[in-house]
Amino acid sequence: MTLKCHNLIMSDLRRSTIYLDPNLRKALRVKAVETEQSMSQLVNAAIRRSLQEDVQDLAVFDARAKEPNLVFETVLKDLKRRGKL
């Protein structure tokens, strides 16, 4: 029997041991029951979201890499001069 999990064959998955805060584990178990997903599915989804945020942050950083560097004190003086601070 082969199970599929988020477009992955169960045999492609690797087992890992993680240590969870008891309250997090309890909340994870409750959410798993409520959403009819396994704890592994929920953890994998959370990790994917976290890593995707990193990818998005890096893309923005790369897109802005050619912008000029600004001296903080100069920006601060300009904001004060224009009444923004």
Protein backbone atom coordinates (compact mmCIF):
# COMPACT_ATOMS: atom_id res chain seq x y z
CA MET A 1 0.00 0.00 0.00
CA THR A 2 1.40 3.38 -1.00
CA LEU A 3 0.08 6.54 0.61
CA LYS A 4 0.36 10.02 -0.89
CA CYS A 5 1.00 13.09 1.20
CA HIS A 6 1.05 16.52 -0.50
CA ASN A 7 2.06 15.01 -3.85
CA LEU A 8 4.77 12.91 -2.21
CA ILE A 9 4.78 9.16 -2.03
CA MET A 10 4.97 8.06 1.60
CA SER A 11 8.10 6.04 0.80
CA ASP A 12 9.80 9.30 -0.30
CA LEU A 13 9.32 10.84 3.13
CA ARG A 14 12.01 10.65 5.79
CA ARG A 15 11.41 10.18 9.47
CA SER A 16 12.78 12.86 11.81
CA THR A 17 12.68 13.25 15.54
CA ILE A 18 11.75 16.66 16.89
CA TYR A 19 11.16 17.74 20.45
CA LEU A 20 8.05 19.85 21.00
CA ASP A 21 6.94 21.89 23.93
CA PRO A 22 4.16 19.83 25.58
CA ASN A 23 1.60 22.61 25.02
CA LEU A 24 2.53 22.90 21.34
CA ARG A 25 2.24 19.15 20.91
CA LYS A 26 -1.19 19.14 22.53
CA ALA A 27 -2.36 22.02 20.30
CA LEU A 28 -0.94 20.24 17.26
CA ARG A 29 -2.81 17.05 18.14
CA VAL A 30 -6.07 18.98 18.57
CA LYS A 31 -5.60 20.77 15.25
CA ALA A 32 -4.80 17.48 13.53
CA VAL A 33 -8.07 16.00 14.75
CA GLU A 34 -10.07 19.12 13.88
CA THR A 35 -8.63 19.37 10.35
CA GLU A 36 -8.47 15.61 9.71
CA GLN A 37 -4.76 15.89 8.90
CA SER A 38 -1.84 14.12 10.46
CA MET A 39 0.53 15.94 12.76
CA SER A 40 3.23 15.35 10.13
CA GLN A 41 1.13 17.05 7.46
CA LEU A 42 0.61 20.08 9.68
CA VAL A 43 4.30 20.32 10.60
CA ASN A 44 5.37 19.95 6.94
CA ALA A 45 2.91 22.67 5.90
CA ALA A 46 4.20 25.03 8.61
CA ILE A 47 7.81 24.44 7.59
CA ARG A 48 6.94 25.03 3.91
CA ARG A 49 5.23 28.34 4.79
CA SER A 50 8.20 29.46 6.87
CA LEU A 51 10.71 28.61 4.15
CA GLN A 52 8.51 30.26 1.49
CA GLU A 53 8.59 33.49 3.52
CA ASP A 54 12.40 33.31 3.43
CA VAL A 55 12.33 32.86 -0.34
CA GLN A 56 10.04 35.87 -0.71
CA ASP A 57 12.24 37.98 1.57
CA LEU A 58 15.34 37.04 -0.42
CA ALA A 59 13.60 37.89 -3.70
CA VAL A 60 12.71 41.36 -2.39
CA PHE A 61 16.25 41.82 -1.12
CA ASP A 62 17.66 40.88 -4.54
CA ALA A 63 15.22 43.20 -6.31
CA ARG A 64 16.30 46.12 -4.11
CA ALA A 65 20.04 45.33 -4.18
CA LYS A 66 20.78 48.14 -6.67
CA GLU A 67 19.00 50.81 -4.66
CA PRO A 68 21.34 53.40 -3.15
CA ASN A 69 22.42 53.05 0.46
CA LEU A 70 21.08 55.80 2.67
CA VAL A 71 22.76 57.16 5.76
CA PHE A 72 20.37 56.75 8.68
CA GLU A 73 21.13 60.15 10.18
CA THR A 74 20.45 61.87 6.85
CA VAL A 75 17.08 60.12 6.49
CA LEU A 76 16.21 60.98 10.09
CA LYS A 77 17.04 64.68 9.55
CA ASP A 78 14.98 64.72 6.36
CA LEU A 79 11.97 63.17 8.10
CA LYS A 80 12.21 65.71 10.92
CA ARG A 81 12.58 68.58 8.44
CA ARG A 82 9.42 67.47 6.63
CA GLY A 83 7.50 67.09 9.91
CA LYS A 84 7.14 63.31 9.62
CA LEU A 85 8.75 62.78 13.01
